[in-house]
Amino acid sequence: MYVLPKADVTLFLDLPVQLSQQLVRRKAPRQYTNAVRDLHEKNASYLENWRKVYRALTGAQHRSWWLVIDCISDQGMLMSREQIHASIWNALLPYVGLIVEN
């Protein structure tokens, strides 16, 4: 009866698990847990498996156009918010006209 509309584009902001766990350690305390990492964040192999699943979905273009945005530089460092924003914009720019027309 109630169905979510199909996404035109799905962005996958890709980040290696090791780097994502470093970022989690820097997060402010959260209200829903006293732990530094929540149930999912503390299991690196779980996160790596899900990363592989999402990479497979991007390759299959499952249910929408999937665009992978790498959030690390060629040197292996986390990109700035501005750099990630520019990567997103550059990836979407060729599709903007197609999305608006549909």
Protein backbone atom coordinates (compact mmCIF):
# COMPACT_ATOMS: atom_id res chain seq x y z
CA MET A 1 0.00 0.00 0.00
CA TYR A 2 2.66 2.53 1.01
CA VAL A 3 5.76 2.19 -1.10
CA LEU A 4 8.80 4.40 -1.05
CA PRO A 5 9.58 5.91 -4.43
CA LYS A 6 12.51 4.48 -6.33
CA ALA A 7 15.65 6.53 -5.89
CA ASP A 8 17.04 8.19 -9.00
CA VAL A 9 20.59 8.05 -7.66
CA THR A 10 22.12 6.36 -4.64
CA LEU A 11 25.41 7.69 -3.34
CA PHE A 12 27.76 5.33 -1.54
CA LEU A 13 30.29 7.31 0.47
CA ASP A 14 33.06 4.74 0.72
CA LEU A 15 35.54 4.73 3.56
CA PRO A 16 37.84 1.91 4.68
CA VAL A 17 36.68 0.28 7.91
CA GLN A 18 39.91 1.05 9.77
CA LEU A 19 39.55 4.75 9.06
CA SER A 20 35.85 4.75 9.96
CA GLN A 21 36.68 3.15 13.31
CA GLN A 22 39.26 5.87 13.99
CA LEU A 23 36.56 8.47 13.36
CA VAL A 24 34.14 6.68 15.69
CA ARG A 25 36.68 6.91 18.52
CA ARG A 26 36.64 10.70 18.10
CA LYS A 27 32.84 10.99 18.33
CA ALA A 28 31.19 12.76 21.22
CA PRO A 29 29.35 10.59 23.77
CA ARG A 30 25.96 9.40 22.58
CA GLN A 31 22.70 9.19 24.50
CA TYR A 32 21.80 5.65 23.44
CA THR A 33 24.99 3.94 24.68
CA ASN A 34 27.80 4.44 27.17
CA ALA A 35 30.18 2.52 24.92
CA VAL A 36 32.66 4.29 22.64
CA ARG A 37 31.40 2.10 19.77
CA ASP A 38 27.85 0.84 19.32
CA LEU A 39 26.92 -2.77 18.56
CA HIS A 40 27.80 -2.50 14.88
CA GLU A 41 30.76 -0.15 15.11
CA LYS A 42 32.74 -2.42 17.42
CA ASN A 43 32.74 -5.36 14.99
CA ALA A 44 35.22 -4.63 12.19
CA SER A 45 34.51 -7.86 10.30
CA TYR A 46 30.77 -7.08 10.34
CA LEU A 47 31.48 -3.63 8.93
CA GLU A 48 33.83 -5.04 6.28
CA ASN A 49 31.20 -7.56 5.18
CA TRP A 50 28.60 -4.81 4.81
CA ARG A 51 31.08 -2.67 2.90
CA LYS A 52 31.50 -5.58 0.46
CA VAL A 53 27.70 -5.89 0.14
CA TYR A 54 27.35 -2.20 -0.70
CA ARG A 55 30.22 -2.39 -3.17
CA ALA A 56 28.40 -5.31 -4.85
CA LEU A 57 25.19 -3.27 -4.98
CA THR A 58 27.05 -0.44 -6.66
CA GLY A 59 28.42 -2.86 -9.25
CA ALA A 60 24.97 -4.30 -9.91
CA GLN A 61 23.34 -0.85 -10.03
CA HIS A 62 20.62 -2.32 -7.80
CA ARG A 63 17.30 -0.44 -8.06
CA SER A 64 18.89 2.92 -8.95
CA TRP A 65 22.05 4.50 -10.31
CA TRP A 66 24.72 3.94 -7.72
CA LEU A 67 27.65 6.31 -7.58
CA VAL A 68 30.65 5.53 -5.41
CA ILE A 69 32.24 8.51 -3.73
CA ASP A 70 35.68 7.62 -2.39
CA CYS A 71 36.22 9.62 0.79
CA ILE A 72 39.96 9.06 0.97
CA SER A 73 42.66 10.73 -1.06
CA ASP A 74 45.19 8.95 -3.26
CA GLN A 75 47.53 9.19 -0.26
CA GLY A 76 45.07 7.27 1.95
CA MET A 77 44.00 10.27 4.02
CA LEU A 78 40.42 11.25 4.82
CA MET A 79 39.27 13.95 2.43
CA SER A 80 37.93 17.21 3.84
CA ARG A 81 34.20 17.90 3.83
CA GLU A 82 34.79 20.36 1.02
CA GLN A 83 36.66 17.77 -1.06
CA ILE A 84 33.93 15.17 -0.49
CA HIS A 85 31.30 17.76 -1.40
CA ALA A 86 33.16 18.55 -4.63
CA SER A 87 33.44 14.82 -5.43
CA ILE A 88 29.70 14.38 -4.90
CA TRP A 89 28.86 17.39 -7.05
CA ASN A 90 31.23 16.28 -9.83
CA ALA A 91 29.74 12.77 -9.78
CA LEU A 92 26.15 14.07 -9.91
CA LEU A 93 26.63 16.84 -12.45
CA PRO A 94 26.28 14.58 -15.53
CA TYR A 95 22.98 13.24 -14.15
CA VAL A 96 21.34 16.47 -13.02
CA GLY A 97 19.46 17.05 -16.26
CA LEU A 98 18.38 13.42 -16.47
CA ILE A 99 17.04 13.43 -12.91
CA VAL A 100 15.08 16.66 -13.32
CA GLU A 101 13.44 15.42 -16.52
CA ASN A 102 12.18 12.15 -14.96
